[in-house]
């Protein structure tokens, strides 16, 4: 791995990982490793925040599918996509039929109106992982 880190926000057992502007062959492996590492920290739900992502090639699509398959064995995964170019790639490849896609992080975490559910069973609050989980 290149040592590249992507911001992770934990809300209870929900992890929101902010992905980069471009996802391609140069960073897809690092992204896959990062997302799998988050799943290995017992995330019940992994939200891949691609709201700022404006380019995703086939290696990025492959990464998302790989992580989704791994998540399906005990966790859930959702995507946040707001750019038309990435929405189109996910639609053409069928990923949007495999993984639930939302227009915002709030919508991915909350009810149909996009309100975040504040009632967490464990009473956890959000915390940013700024030290790599150390």
N, C-alpha and C. Protein backbone atom coordinates (compact mmCIF):
# COMPACT_ATOMS: atom_id res chain seq x y z
N UNK A 1 0.85 -1.18 0.00
CA UNK A 1 0.00 0.00 0.00
C UNK A 1 0.89 1.23 0.00
N UNK A 2 0.42 2.30 -0.61
CA UNK A 2 1.22 3.51 -0.77
C UNK A 2 1.28 4.36 0.49
N UNK A 3 0.56 3.97 1.55
CA UNK A 3 0.52 4.77 2.76
C UNK A 3 -0.55 5.85 2.68
N UNK A 4 -1.27 5.88 1.58
CA UNK A 4 -2.33 6.85 1.39
C UNK A 4 -3.47 6.54 2.37
N UNK A 5 -4.01 7.55 3.00
CA UNK A 5 -5.10 7.36 3.95
C UNK A 5 -6.31 8.16 3.51
N UNK A 6 -7.45 7.63 3.79
CA UNK A 6 -8.71 8.30 3.47
C UNK A 6 -9.43 8.54 4.78
N UNK A 7 -9.98 9.74 4.98
CA UNK A 7 -10.64 10.05 6.25
C UNK A 7 -11.77 9.08 6.57
N UNK A 8 -11.80 8.64 7.83
CA UNK A 8 -12.84 7.73 8.31
C UNK A 8 -13.56 8.41 9.47
N UNK A 9 -14.87 8.49 9.39
CA UNK A 9 -15.70 9.01 10.47
C UNK A 9 -16.50 7.85 11.01
N UNK A 10 -16.33 7.56 12.30
CA UNK A 10 -17.07 6.47 12.94
C UNK A 10 -18.26 7.06 13.68
N UNK A 11 -19.44 6.47 13.47
CA UNK A 11 -20.65 6.81 14.19
C UNK A 11 -21.17 5.48 14.73
N UNK A 12 -20.82 5.16 15.96
CA UNK A 12 -21.12 3.84 16.48
C UNK A 12 -20.35 2.82 15.66
N UNK A 13 -21.07 1.84 15.09
CA UNK A 13 -20.44 0.83 14.26
C UNK A 13 -20.56 1.15 12.77
N UNK A 14 -20.90 2.40 12.47
CA UNK A 14 -20.99 2.85 11.08
C UNK A 14 -19.72 3.62 10.74
N UNK A 15 -19.09 3.24 9.64
CA UNK A 15 -17.88 3.93 9.19
C UNK A 15 -18.17 4.64 7.88
N UNK A 16 -17.89 5.93 7.84
CA UNK A 16 -18.02 6.72 6.62
C UNK A 16 -16.60 7.03 6.15
N UNK A 17 -16.25 6.50 4.98
CA UNK A 17 -14.91 6.70 4.43
C UNK A 17 -15.00 7.64 3.24
N UNK A 18 -14.29 8.76 3.30
CA UNK A 18 -14.29 9.74 2.22
C UNK A 18 -13.25 9.33 1.19
N UNK A 19 -13.72 9.10 -0.03
CA UNK A 19 -12.85 8.66 -1.11
C UNK A 19 -12.38 9.85 -1.95
N UNK A 20 -11.31 9.67 -2.70
CA UNK A 20 -10.70 10.80 -3.43
C UNK A 20 -11.48 11.24 -4.66
N UNK A 21 -11.03 12.34 -5.25
CA UNK A 21 -11.66 12.93 -6.43
C UNK A 21 -11.60 11.97 -7.62
N UNK A 22 -10.48 11.26 -7.74
CA UNK A 22 -10.33 10.30 -8.83
C UNK A 22 -10.00 8.93 -8.27
N UNK A 23 -10.67 7.91 -8.80
CA UNK A 23 -10.38 6.53 -8.43
C UNK A 23 -10.01 5.81 -9.71
N UNK A 24 -8.76 5.37 -9.77
CA UNK A 24 -8.28 4.72 -10.99
C UNK A 24 -7.22 3.69 -10.63
N UNK A 25 -6.54 3.20 -11.64
CA UNK A 25 -5.55 2.14 -11.44
C UNK A 25 -4.43 2.56 -10.49
N UNK A 26 -4.18 3.86 -10.36
CA UNK A 26 -3.08 4.32 -9.50
C UNK A 26 -3.40 4.25 -8.02
N UNK A 27 -4.69 4.24 -7.65
CA UNK A 27 -5.03 4.23 -6.23
C UNK A 27 -6.08 3.19 -5.84
N UNK A 28 -6.59 2.42 -6.79
CA UNK A 28 -7.67 1.47 -6.49
C UNK A 28 -7.24 0.42 -5.46
N UNK A 29 -6.02 -0.08 -5.56
CA UNK A 29 -5.56 -1.08 -4.59
C UNK A 29 -5.50 -0.51 -3.18
N UNK A 30 -5.00 0.71 -3.04
CA UNK A 30 -4.92 1.35 -1.73
C UNK A 30 -6.32 1.59 -1.16
N UNK A 31 -7.25 1.97 -2.02
CA UNK A 31 -8.63 2.19 -1.57
C UNK A 31 -9.24 0.87 -1.11
N UNK A 32 -9.04 -0.18 -1.89
CA UNK A 32 -9.57 -1.50 -1.50
C UNK A 32 -9.02 -1.92 -0.14
N UNK A 33 -7.71 -1.78 0.04
CA UNK A 33 -7.10 -2.15 1.32
C UNK A 33 -7.66 -1.33 2.47
N UNK A 34 -7.85 -0.03 2.24
CA UNK A 34 -8.39 0.85 3.28
C UNK A 34 -9.82 0.44 3.65
N UNK A 35 -10.66 0.21 2.64
CA UNK A 35 -12.04 -0.16 2.91
C UNK A 35 -12.13 -1.52 3.60
N UNK A 36 -11.31 -2.46 3.18
CA UNK A 36 -11.29 -3.78 3.85
C UNK A 36 -10.80 -3.66 5.28
N UNK A 37 -9.82 -2.79 5.53
CA UNK A 37 -9.32 -2.58 6.89
C UNK A 37 -10.43 -2.03 7.78
N UNK A 38 -11.24 -1.14 7.24
CA UNK A 38 -12.37 -0.59 8.00
C UNK A 38 -13.37 -1.71 8.32
N UNK A 39 -13.68 -2.55 7.35
CA UNK A 39 -14.57 -3.68 7.60
C UNK A 39 -14.01 -4.59 8.69
N UNK A 40 -12.70 -4.78 8.69
CA UNK A 40 -12.04 -5.63 9.68
C UNK A 40 -12.08 -5.04 11.08
N UNK A 41 -12.47 -3.78 11.20
CA UNK A 41 -12.63 -3.14 12.51
C UNK A 41 -14.08 -3.28 12.99
N UNK A 42 -14.78 -4.25 12.44
CA UNK A 42 -16.15 -4.60 12.84
C UNK A 42 -17.19 -3.53 12.52
N UNK A 43 -17.03 -2.88 11.39
CA UNK A 43 -18.05 -1.93 10.95
C UNK A 43 -19.30 -2.72 10.56
N UNK A 44 -20.43 -2.35 11.11
CA UNK A 44 -21.70 -2.98 10.73
C UNK A 44 -22.16 -2.42 9.39
N UNK A 45 -21.83 -1.16 9.14
CA UNK A 45 -22.18 -0.50 7.89
C UNK A 45 -20.99 0.31 7.42
N UNK A 46 -20.62 0.12 6.17
CA UNK A 46 -19.56 0.89 5.54
C UNK A 46 -20.20 1.80 4.50
N UNK A 47 -20.01 3.11 4.67
CA UNK A 47 -20.49 4.08 3.70
C UNK A 47 -19.27 4.63 2.97
N UNK A 48 -19.18 4.35 1.68
CA UNK A 48 -18.09 4.88 0.85
C UNK A 48 -18.58 6.21 0.28
N UNK A 49 -18.05 7.29 0.82
CA UNK A 49 -18.47 8.64 0.41
C UNK A 49 -17.70 9.05 -0.84
N UNK A 50 -18.36 8.91 -1.98
CA UNK A 50 -17.78 9.30 -3.27
C UNK A 50 -18.39 10.62 -3.76
N UNK A 51 -18.91 11.41 -2.84
CA UNK A 51 -19.60 12.65 -3.24
C UNK A 51 -18.67 13.63 -3.94
N UNK A 52 -17.39 13.55 -3.68
CA UNK A 52 -16.42 14.44 -4.34
C UNK A 52 -15.72 13.74 -5.51
N UNK A 53 -16.00 12.46 -5.71
CA UNK A 53 -15.36 11.70 -6.77
C UNK A 53 -15.98 12.05 -8.12
N UNK A 54 -15.15 12.47 -9.07
CA UNK A 54 -15.68 12.81 -10.40
C UNK A 54 -15.15 11.89 -11.49
N UNK A 55 -14.30 10.91 -11.10
CA UNK A 55 -13.80 9.94 -12.08
C UNK A 55 -13.60 8.61 -11.38
N UNK A 56 -14.11 7.55 -12.01
CA UNK A 56 -13.93 6.20 -11.48
C UNK A 56 -13.80 5.26 -12.67
N UNK A 57 -12.61 4.65 -12.83
CA UNK A 57 -12.42 3.74 -13.97
C UNK A 57 -12.76 2.30 -13.56
N UNK A 58 -12.46 1.36 -14.45
CA UNK A 58 -12.84 -0.03 -14.22
C UNK A 58 -12.15 -0.63 -13.00
N UNK A 59 -10.94 -0.18 -12.69
CA UNK A 59 -10.27 -0.69 -11.49
C UNK A 59 -10.98 -0.20 -10.23
N UNK A 60 -11.51 1.00 -10.27
CA UNK A 60 -12.30 1.52 -9.16
C UNK A 60 -13.60 0.76 -8.99
N UNK A 61 -14.26 0.47 -10.12
CA UNK A 61 -15.50 -0.32 -10.08
C UNK A 61 -15.21 -1.70 -9.50
N UNK A 62 -14.12 -2.32 -9.94
CA UNK A 62 -13.73 -3.63 -9.44
C UNK A 62 -13.49 -3.59 -7.93
N UNK A 63 -12.85 -2.54 -7.46
CA UNK A 63 -12.61 -2.36 -6.03
C UNK A 63 -13.91 -2.31 -5.26
N UNK A 64 -14.86 -1.52 -5.74
CA UNK A 64 -16.15 -1.39 -5.06
C UNK A 64 -16.87 -2.73 -4.99
N UNK A 65 -16.86 -3.48 -6.08
CA UNK A 65 -17.53 -4.79 -6.10
C UNK A 65 -16.83 -5.75 -5.14
N UNK A 66 -15.51 -5.76 -5.15
CA UNK A 66 -14.74 -6.64 -4.25
C UNK A 66 -15.09 -6.34 -2.79
N UNK A 67 -15.09 -5.07 -2.42
CA UNK A 67 -15.38 -4.69 -1.04
C UNK A 67 -16.84 -5.01 -0.70
N UNK A 68 -17.75 -4.79 -1.64
CA UNK A 68 -19.15 -5.12 -1.39
C UNK A 68 -19.31 -6.61 -1.10
N UNK A 69 -18.65 -7.44 -1.89
CA UNK A 69 -18.74 -8.89 -1.67
C UNK A 69 -18.21 -9.28 -0.30
N UNK A 70 -17.12 -8.66 0.11
CA UNK A 70 -16.55 -8.93 1.43
C UNK A 70 -17.51 -8.43 2.52
N UNK A 71 -18.11 -7.28 2.32
CA UNK A 71 -19.04 -6.72 3.30
C UNK A 71 -20.27 -7.60 3.44
N UNK A 72 -20.70 -8.22 2.37
CA UNK A 72 -21.91 -9.04 2.39
C UNK A 72 -21.79 -10.23 3.35
N UNK A 73 -20.58 -10.55 3.78
CA UNK A 73 -20.39 -11.68 4.69
C UNK A 73 -20.53 -11.29 6.15
N UNK A 74 -21.12 -10.14 6.43
CA UNK A 74 -21.33 -9.77 7.83
C UNK A 74 -21.58 -8.30 8.06
N UNK A 75 -21.44 -7.50 7.04
CA UNK A 75 -21.65 -6.06 7.15
C UNK A 75 -22.52 -5.61 5.98
N UNK A 76 -22.81 -4.34 5.96
CA UNK A 76 -23.53 -3.76 4.83
C UNK A 76 -22.66 -2.65 4.24
N UNK A 77 -22.92 -2.34 2.99
CA UNK A 77 -22.16 -1.27 2.32
C UNK A 77 -23.11 -0.40 1.53
N UNK A 78 -22.86 0.89 1.57
CA UNK A 78 -23.62 1.86 0.79
C UNK A 78 -22.65 2.83 0.14
N UNK A 79 -23.05 3.38 -0.99
CA UNK A 79 -22.25 4.37 -1.70
C UNK A 79 -22.96 5.71 -1.67
N UNK A 80 -22.19 6.78 -1.57
CA UNK A 80 -22.70 8.14 -1.71
C UNK A 80 -22.08 8.69 -2.98
N UNK A 81 -22.92 9.00 -3.96
CA UNK A 81 -22.45 9.48 -5.26
C UNK A 81 -23.29 10.69 -5.64
N UNK A 82 -22.61 11.78 -6.02
CA UNK A 82 -23.35 12.97 -6.41
C UNK A 82 -22.97 13.50 -7.78
N UNK A 83 -21.92 12.97 -8.38
CA UNK A 83 -21.51 13.48 -9.69
C UNK A 83 -22.09 12.61 -10.81
N UNK A 84 -22.63 13.24 -11.84
CA UNK A 84 -23.25 12.49 -12.95
C UNK A 84 -22.30 11.49 -13.62
N UNK A 85 -21.03 11.85 -13.76
CA UNK A 85 -20.09 10.95 -14.44
C UNK A 85 -19.95 9.63 -13.68
N UNK A 86 -19.83 9.70 -12.35
CA UNK A 86 -19.69 8.48 -11.55
C UNK A 86 -21.02 7.73 -11.50
N UNK A 87 -22.12 8.46 -11.39
CA UNK A 87 -23.44 7.80 -11.42
C UNK A 87 -23.60 7.01 -12.71
N UNK A 88 -23.16 7.58 -13.81
CA UNK A 88 -23.28 6.90 -15.11
C UNK A 88 -22.43 5.64 -15.15
N UNK A 89 -21.20 5.69 -14.67
CA UNK A 89 -20.33 4.51 -14.65
C UNK A 89 -20.97 3.40 -13.80
N UNK A 90 -21.50 3.75 -12.65
CA UNK A 90 -22.12 2.76 -11.79
C UNK A 90 -23.38 2.18 -12.41
N UNK A 91 -24.10 2.99 -13.16
CA UNK A 91 -25.30 2.53 -13.85
C UNK A 91 -24.96 1.60 -15.01
N UNK A 92 -24.00 2.00 -15.82
CA UNK A 92 -23.60 1.20 -16.99
C UNK A 92 -23.06 -0.17 -16.56
N UNK A 93 -22.30 -0.19 -15.47
CA UNK A 93 -21.69 -1.43 -15.00
C UNK A 93 -22.63 -2.28 -14.14
N UNK A 94 -23.76 -1.71 -13.74
CA UNK A 94 -24.71 -2.43 -12.90
C UNK A 94 -24.40 -2.39 -11.42
N UNK A 95 -23.36 -1.68 -11.03
CA UNK A 95 -23.01 -1.59 -9.61
C UNK A 95 -24.14 -0.94 -8.82
N UNK A 96 -24.86 -0.01 -9.43
CA UNK A 96 -25.95 0.66 -8.72
C UNK A 96 -27.12 -0.29 -8.44
N UNK A 97 -27.13 -1.46 -9.07
CA UNK A 97 -28.15 -2.47 -8.75
C UNK A 97 -27.63 -3.46 -7.71
N UNK A 98 -26.33 -3.45 -7.49
CA UNK A 98 -25.70 -4.34 -6.51
C UNK A 98 -25.58 -3.66 -5.15
N UNK A 99 -25.14 -2.41 -5.16
CA UNK A 99 -24.90 -1.64 -3.94
C UNK A 99 -25.89 -0.47 -3.91
N UNK A 100 -26.49 -0.22 -2.75
CA UNK A 100 -27.39 0.92 -2.62
C UNK A 100 -26.60 2.21 -2.76
N UNK A 101 -27.12 3.13 -3.59
CA UNK A 101 -26.46 4.41 -3.86
C UNK A 101 -27.36 5.53 -3.36
N UNK A 102 -26.75 6.48 -2.65
CA UNK A 102 -27.46 7.61 -2.06
C UNK A 102 -26.84 8.92 -2.53
N UNK A 103 -27.62 10.01 -2.53
CA UNK A 103 -27.10 11.30 -3.00
C UNK A 103 -26.27 12.06 -1.96
N UNK A 104 -26.35 11.64 -0.68
CA UNK A 104 -25.61 12.33 0.39
C UNK A 104 -25.33 11.36 1.52
N UNK A 105 -24.37 11.70 2.35
CA UNK A 105 -24.07 10.88 3.52
C UNK A 105 -25.28 10.84 4.44
N UNK A 106 -25.93 11.98 4.66
CA UNK A 106 -27.11 12.01 5.53
C UNK A 106 -28.18 11.05 5.03
N UNK A 107 -28.42 11.03 3.74
CA UNK A 107 -29.42 10.12 3.18
C UNK A 107 -29.01 8.67 3.37
N UNK A 108 -27.72 8.39 3.28
CA UNK A 108 -27.26 7.01 3.43
C UNK A 108 -27.38 6.52 4.87
N UNK A 109 -27.39 7.43 5.82
CA UNK A 109 -27.46 7.07 7.23
C UNK A 109 -28.86 7.14 7.81
N UNK A 110 -29.74 7.88 7.14
CA UNK A 110 -31.01 8.19 7.76
C UNK A 110 -32.23 7.67 7.06
N UNK A 111 -33.30 8.36 7.33
CA UNK A 111 -34.59 7.99 6.75
C UNK A 111 -34.69 8.50 5.32
N UNK A 112 -35.82 8.23 4.63
CA UNK A 112 -35.94 8.65 3.24
C UNK A 112 -35.80 10.16 3.02
N UNK A 113 -35.99 10.95 4.07
CA UNK A 113 -35.84 12.40 3.95
C UNK A 113 -34.41 12.86 4.18
N UNK A 114 -33.51 11.92 4.43
CA UNK A 114 -32.11 12.26 4.62
C UNK A 114 -31.75 12.68 6.03
N UNK A 115 -32.63 12.44 7.00
CA UNK A 115 -32.32 12.79 8.38
C UNK A 115 -31.54 11.67 9.04
N UNK A 116 -30.44 12.02 9.68
CA UNK A 116 -29.61 11.02 10.34
C UNK A 116 -30.33 10.53 11.58
N UNK A 117 -30.33 9.22 11.78
CA UNK A 117 -30.93 8.61 12.96
C UNK A 117 -30.02 8.86 14.16
N UNK A 118 -30.45 9.70 15.08
CA UNK A 118 -29.64 10.03 16.24
C UNK A 118 -29.75 8.99 17.34
N UNK A 119 -30.72 8.10 17.26
CA UNK A 119 -30.91 7.08 18.30
C UNK A 119 -30.02 5.88 17.99
N UNK A 120 -28.87 5.86 18.56
CA UNK A 120 -27.94 4.75 18.38
C UNK A 120 -28.10 3.81 19.56
N UNK A 121 -28.19 2.51 19.32
CA UNK A 121 -28.38 1.58 20.43
C UNK A 121 -27.25 1.63 21.45
N UNK A 122 -26.05 1.95 21.02
CA UNK A 122 -24.92 1.97 21.96
C UNK A 122 -24.63 3.37 22.48
N UNK A 123 -25.44 4.36 22.08
CA UNK A 123 -25.24 5.72 22.54
C UNK A 123 -23.97 6.35 22.03
N UNK A 124 -23.39 5.79 21.00
CA UNK A 124 -22.11 6.27 20.49
C UNK A 124 -22.26 7.62 19.80
N UNK A 125 -21.19 8.36 19.81
CA UNK A 125 -21.15 9.62 19.09
C UNK A 125 -20.11 9.51 17.99
N UNK A 126 -20.18 10.43 17.07
CA UNK A 126 -19.26 10.41 15.94
C UNK A 126 -17.86 10.78 16.40
N UNK A 127 -16.87 10.10 15.83
CA UNK A 127 -15.49 10.47 16.08
C UNK A 127 -14.68 10.23 14.82
N UNK A 128 -13.82 11.15 14.53
CA UNK A 128 -12.99 11.00 13.33
C UNK A 128 -11.77 10.17 13.68
N UNK A 129 -11.40 9.28 12.79
CA UNK A 129 -10.19 8.48 12.95
C UNK A 129 -9.05 9.26 12.30
N UNK A 130 -8.31 9.98 13.11
CA UNK A 130 -7.24 10.82 12.58
C UNK A 130 -5.86 10.22 12.79
N UNK A 131 -5.80 9.13 13.58
CA UNK A 131 -4.49 8.54 13.86
C UNK A 131 -4.38 7.13 13.30
N UNK A 132 -5.24 6.77 12.33
CA UNK A 132 -5.15 5.46 11.72
C UNK A 132 -5.61 4.34 12.63
N UNK A 133 -6.46 4.67 13.62
CA UNK A 133 -6.99 3.65 14.50
C UNK A 133 -6.04 3.25 15.61
N UNK A 134 -4.95 3.96 15.76
CA UNK A 134 -3.96 3.61 16.78
C UNK A 134 -4.41 4.11 18.14
